[in-house]
């Protein structure tokens, strides 16, 4: 039987060759680097996914918050300076025309309310206190007649135009904007207070002369459901219900819209 064992001095060895160890370590290092790169890529993908989901959730939450807190655009009326034609039509109605106006059938007769005490004055002149809400269609209709009447005792400036609430009765009633207006007269004093804007948000606080208690004191019991305008003699004038219908839905006033047409004026 032949002897297959080799003498160590003959150059053969049962252990690994010396030249293969560096190659093994290099392969292991490359494998480790590849594994590290794969783990880093996996972490990057996870972070990108989490960031994307977070961004989407933030956008959704923001949109929901805006939706819940913002007033719908359709509820906010546009505001603009009154055109020169609208101002001229309102402020130049001749007194002779007004005396010939046929009031027609009165739904609610106007009544002066007599009260004890001195007449209402401001600055030594008879005073008119007009308290309204820009969202109110009845107030919207009243502004036209008030502007026409007072133009015979003084001058208006900075009149604007807008509409009443879109969700109330007689929606989008065309009206003048008194909040920006100025009135000057040597014969009387006008005080105007707009409690809310078109969307019902609070605007101006009531003054002592236009307080709820004073209005209730001057207001007739029969007009408990209507508004009241404090007149110079200390009384009030009731507003006839229903008359905003002619202005309702006409949109912002413009020539021929929101202002009585010439054919509707007597004479």
Protein backbone atom coordinates (compact mmCIF):
# COMPACT_ATOMS: atom_id res chain seq x y z
CA UNK A 1 0.00 0.00 0.00
CA UNK A 2 1.43 3.29 -1.07
CA UNK A 3 2.18 5.96 1.47
CA UNK A 4 0.12 9.09 0.66
CA UNK A 5 1.37 11.24 3.50
CA UNK A 6 3.77 13.98 2.61
CA UNK A 7 6.49 15.32 4.64
CA UNK A 8 5.84 18.88 5.80
CA UNK A 9 9.20 19.83 4.39
CA UNK A 10 7.93 18.74 1.00
CA UNK A 11 5.73 21.84 0.68
CA UNK A 12 2.23 20.26 1.02
CA UNK A 13 -0.07 21.26 3.94
CA UNK A 14 -3.60 20.34 5.01
CA UNK A 15 -4.36 24.08 6.06
CA UNK A 16 -5.56 26.93 3.76
CA UNK A 17 -3.16 28.62 1.52
CA UNK A 18 -1.73 31.90 2.68
CA UNK A 19 -2.81 33.76 -0.51
CA UNK A 20 -6.52 32.94 -0.09
CA UNK A 21 -6.96 34.74 3.29
CA UNK A 22 -6.80 38.33 1.94
CA UNK A 23 -9.26 37.43 -0.81
CA UNK A 24 -11.68 36.00 1.73
CA UNK A 25 -11.46 39.11 3.89
CA UNK A 26 -12.02 41.30 0.82
CA UNK A 27 -15.13 39.33 -0.17
CA UNK A 28 -16.45 39.57 3.38
CA UNK A 29 -15.81 43.32 3.45
CA UNK A 30 -17.61 43.79 0.12
CA UNK A 31 -20.53 41.71 1.34
CA UNK A 32 -20.73 43.75 4.54
CA UNK A 33 -20.68 47.01 2.57
CA UNK A 34 -23.44 45.76 0.29
CA UNK A 35 -25.53 44.74 3.29
CA UNK A 36 -24.97 48.17 4.90
CA UNK A 37 -26.01 49.90 1.68
CA UNK A 38 -29.15 47.78 1.49
CA UNK A 39 -30.03 48.59 5.10
CA UNK A 40 -29.45 52.33 4.46
CA UNK A 41 -31.60 52.20 1.33
CA UNK A 42 -34.36 50.43 3.25
CA UNK A 43 -34.23 53.07 6.01
CA UNK A 44 -34.31 55.86 3.39
CA UNK A 45 -37.38 54.37 1.75
CA UNK A 46 -39.13 54.06 5.09
CA UNK A 47 -38.30 57.68 5.96
CA UNK A 48 -39.55 58.90 2.57
CA UNK A 49 -42.78 56.97 3.00
CA UNK A 50 -43.31 58.31 6.54
CA UNK A 51 -42.54 61.86 5.41
CA UNK A 52 -44.97 61.57 2.50
CA UNK A 53 -47.76 60.28 4.74
CA UNK A 54 -47.07 63.02 7.28
CA UNK A 55 -47.18 65.70 4.59
CA UNK A 56 -50.47 64.38 3.22
CA UNK A 57 -51.99 64.26 6.71
CA UNK A 58 -50.82 67.83 7.39
CA UNK A 59 -52.44 69.06 4.18
CA UNK A 60 -55.68 67.24 4.98
CA UNK A 61 -55.77 68.63 8.53
CA UNK A 62 -55.07 72.13 7.22
CA UNK A 63 -57.88 71.92 4.66
CA UNK A 64 -60.31 70.63 7.27
CA UNK A 65 -59.35 73.42 9.67
CA UNK A 66 -59.83 76.06 6.98
CA UNK A 67 -63.16 74.54 6.02
CA UNK A 68 -64.39 74.54 9.62
CA UNK A 69 -63.24 78.05 10.52
CA UNK A 70 -63.66 80.01 7.29
CA UNK A 71 -66.91 81.70 6.30
CA UNK A 72 -68.09 80.35 2.95
CA UNK A 73 -67.31 82.83 0.21
CA UNK A 74 -70.88 82.86 -1.01
CA UNK A 75 -72.02 84.26 2.37
CA UNK A 76 -69.78 87.31 2.16
CA UNK A 77 -71.21 90.06 0.01
CA UNK A 78 -69.00 92.09 -2.24
CA UNK A 79 -68.45 95.72 -1.32
CA UNK A 80 -67.58 98.54 -3.68
CA UNK A 81 -67.86 102.32 -3.91
CA UNK A 82 -71.22 103.42 -5.27
CA UNK A 83 -71.04 104.51 -8.89
CA UNK A 84 -71.52 108.19 -9.67
CA UNK A 85 -74.80 107.36 -11.43
CA UNK A 86 -76.20 105.52 -8.39
CA UNK A 87 -75.17 108.36 -6.09
CA UNK A 88 -76.75 110.93 -8.43
CA UNK A 89 -80.00 108.95 -8.67
CA UNK A 90 -80.23 108.63 -4.89
CA UNK A 91 -79.24 112.14 -3.88
CA UNK A 92 -81.00 114.26 -6.53
CA UNK A 93 -84.63 113.14 -6.31
CA UNK A 94 -86.58 116.44 -6.42
CA UNK A 95 -88.75 117.27 -3.42
CA UNK A 96 -91.67 117.84 -5.81
CA UNK A 97 -91.35 114.22 -6.94
CA UNK A 98 -91.42 112.95 -3.37
CA UNK A 99 -94.60 114.90 -2.58
CA UNK A 100 -96.37 113.28 -5.52
CA UNK A 101 -95.36 109.73 -4.67
CA UNK A 102 -98.34 107.44 -4.19
CA UNK A 103 -97.49 105.35 -1.14
CA UNK A 104 -100.01 102.71 -2.14
CA UNK A 105 -101.49 100.43 0.48
CA UNK A 106 -99.70 100.68 3.82
CA UNK A 107 -98.84 97.30 5.25
CA UNK A 108 -97.82 98.82 8.57
CA UNK A 109 -98.79 102.49 9.04
CA UNK A 110 -95.93 104.65 10.25
CA UNK A 111 -96.54 106.06 13.71
CA UNK A 112 -94.58 108.58 15.71
CA UNK A 113 -94.09 107.52 19.30
CA UNK A 114 -94.49 110.34 21.78
CA UNK A 115 -92.30 110.11 24.83
CA UNK A 116 -91.63 112.39 27.71
CA UNK A 117 -88.42 114.33 27.90
CA UNK A 118 -86.55 116.65 25.57
CA UNK A 119 -86.11 115.91 21.85
CA UNK A 120 -83.10 113.85 20.82
CA UNK A 121 -80.27 116.19 19.90
CA UNK A 122 -76.56 115.78 19.18
CA UNK A 123 -74.29 118.78 18.95
CA UNK A 124 -77.24 121.12 19.42
CA UNK A 125 -79.02 119.80 16.31
CA UNK A 126 -81.93 117.36 15.92
CA UNK A 127 -80.51 113.87 15.70
CA UNK A 128 -81.37 110.78 13.69
CA UNK A 129 -79.91 107.50 14.96
CA UNK A 130 -79.95 104.64 12.47
CA UNK A 131 -79.04 101.20 13.85
CA UNK A 132 -78.97 98.31 11.42
CA UNK A 133 -77.24 95.13 10.33
CA UNK A 134 -75.73 94.70 6.89
CA UNK A 135 -77.09 91.16 6.78
CA UNK A 136 -80.69 92.37 7.33
CA UNK A 137 -82.80 92.72 4.15
CA UNK A 138 -85.21 95.16 5.83
CA UNK A 139 -82.31 97.41 6.83
CA UNK A 140 -81.01 97.08 3.27
CA UNK A 141 -84.26 98.41 1.81
CA UNK A 142 -84.51 101.19 4.40
CA UNK A 143 -81.12 102.66 3.47
CA UNK A 144 -82.43 103.74 0.07
CA UNK A 145 -85.26 105.86 1.45
CA UNK A 146 -83.10 107.21 4.27
CA UNK A 147 -80.39 108.29 1.84
CA UNK A 148 -82.96 109.94 -0.44
CA UNK A 149 -84.66 111.78 2.41
CA UNK A 150 -81.50 113.00 4.13
CA UNK A 151 -80.02 114.23 0.86
CA UNK A 152 -82.50 117.13 1.14
CA UNK A 153 -80.95 118.25 4.43
CA UNK A 154 -77.26 117.65 3.80
CA UNK A 155 -74.74 115.92 1.58
CA UNK A 156 -73.52 112.33 1.33
CA UNK A 157 -70.01 111.21 0.49
CA UNK A 158 -68.19 107.86 0.28
CA UNK A 159 -71.38 105.88 -0.19
CA UNK A 160 -70.79 102.23 -1.02
CA UNK A 161 -72.88 99.36 -2.34
CA UNK A 162 -73.38 95.81 -1.11
CA UNK A 163 -76.14 93.25 -0.54
CA UNK A 164 -77.85 91.68 2.45
CA UNK A 165 -77.30 88.10 3.59
CA UNK A 166 -77.64 85.34 1.01
CA UNK A 167 -79.29 83.04 3.55
CA UNK A 168 -81.90 85.36 5.09
CA UNK A 169 -85.36 86.18 3.75
CA UNK A 170 -85.19 88.30 0.59
CA UNK A 171 -81.62 87.11 -0.04
CA UNK A 172 -79.04 89.39 -1.63
CA UNK A 173 -81.14 92.52 -1.25
CA UNK A 174 -79.28 95.35 -2.97
CA UNK A 175 -78.43 98.21 -0.66
CA UNK A 176 -76.17 101.14 0.05
CA UNK A 177 -73.17 100.69 2.32
CA UNK A 178 -73.36 103.18 5.20
CA UNK A 179 -70.33 101.86 7.10
CA UNK A 180 -67.97 103.82 4.88
CA UNK A 181 -70.30 106.76 4.26
CA UNK A 182 -70.08 110.32 5.59
CA UNK A 183 -72.99 112.72 6.01
CA UNK A 184 -72.74 116.46 6.62
CA UNK A 185 -75.62 118.79 7.44
CA UNK A 186 -76.11 122.16 9.11
CA UNK A 187 -79.66 121.19 10.07
CA UNK A 188 -79.41 117.78 11.73
CA UNK A 189 -76.96 115.16 12.99
CA UNK A 190 -76.93 111.57 11.72
CA UNK A 191 -75.47 108.70 13.72
CA UNK A 192 -75.22 105.33 11.97
CA UNK A 193 -74.29 102.00 13.56
CA UNK A 194 -73.86 98.74 11.66
CA UNK A 195 -73.99 95.93 14.22
CA UNK A 196 -72.95 93.10 11.86
CA UNK A 197 -71.58 92.60 8.38
CA UNK A 198 -73.25 90.64 5.60
CA UNK A 199 -72.16 87.31 7.13
CA UNK A 200 -73.48 88.22 10.59
CA UNK A 201 -70.09 88.94 12.15
CA UNK A 202 -69.96 91.74 14.73
CA UNK A 203 -68.87 95.14 13.44
CA UNK A 204 -69.72 98.25 15.47
CA UNK A 205 -70.90 98.46 19.06
CA UNK A 206 -74.11 100.25 19.94
CA UNK A 207 -73.79 103.72 21.41
CA UNK A 208 -75.70 104.85 24.53
CA UNK A 209 -78.10 106.84 22.34
CA UNK A 210 -78.89 103.69 20.36
CA UNK A 211 -78.89 101.15 23.17
CA UNK A 212 -81.35 98.28 23.21
CA UNK A 213 -83.02 99.62 26.34
CA UNK A 214 -83.63 103.00 24.71
CA UNK A 215 -84.97 101.41 21.53
CA UNK A 216 -87.30 99.15 23.53
CA UNK A 217 -88.56 102.17 25.47
CA UNK A 218 -89.36 104.09 22.29
CA UNK A 219 -90.62 101.16 20.24
CA UNK A 220 -94.39 100.58 20.01
CA UNK A 221 -95.60 97.24 21.33
CA UNK A 222 -97.18 96.47 17.96
CA UNK A 223 -93.79 96.64 16.27
CA UNK A 224 -92.05 94.15 18.52
CA UNK A 225 -90.99 92.09 15.53
CA UNK A 226 -89.71 94.93 13.41
CA UNK A 227 -86.83 97.32 13.57
CA UNK A 228 -86.94 100.83 14.96
CA UNK A 229 -85.19 104.01 13.91
CA UNK A 230 -84.89 106.67 16.57
CA UNK A 231 -86.36 109.88 15.19
CA UNK A 232 -85.48 113.51 16.08
CA UNK A 233 -88.61 113.94 18.23
CA UNK A 234 -87.54 111.06 20.44
CA UNK A 235 -89.95 108.65 18.77
CA UNK A 236 -89.52 105.83 16.31
CA UNK A 237 -90.78 104.92 12.88
CA UNK A 238 -91.92 101.36 12.25
CA UNK A 239 -90.65 99.60 9.17
CA UNK A 240 -93.37 98.03 7.02
CA UNK A 241 -92.58 94.31 6.62
CA UNK A 242 -92.17 92.83 3.19
CA UNK A 243 -91.02 95.83 1.24
CA UNK A 244 -87.45 94.58 0.49
CA UNK A 245 -88.97 92.20 -2.08
CA UNK A 246 -88.45 94.65 -4.94
CA UNK A 247 -84.71 94.75 -4.25
CA UNK A 248 -84.16 91.08 -3.36
CA UNK A 249 -81.78 89.04 -5.47
CA UNK A 250 -80.80 91.95 -7.65
CA UNK A 251 -77.13 91.68 -6.72
CA UNK A 252 -74.91 94.69 -6.13
CA UNK A 253 -76.66 97.97 -6.99
CA UNK A 254 -75.84 99.38 -10.38
CA UNK A 255 -77.60 101.71 -12.79
CA UNK A 256 -81.03 100.18 -13.25
CA UNK A 257 -80.59 97.65 -10.43
CA UNK A 258 -81.37 98.47 -6.83
CA UNK A 259 -82.35 102.04 -7.65
CA UNK A 260 -85.95 102.82 -8.67
CA UNK A 261 -86.19 103.12 -12.42
CA UNK A 262 -87.43 106.41 -13.87
CA UNK A 263 -90.70 104.74 -14.89
CA UNK A 264 -91.34 103.93 -11.24
CA UNK A 265 -90.97 107.54 -10.17
CA UNK A 266 -94.04 109.77 -10.43
CA UNK A 267 -93.85 112.67 -12.86
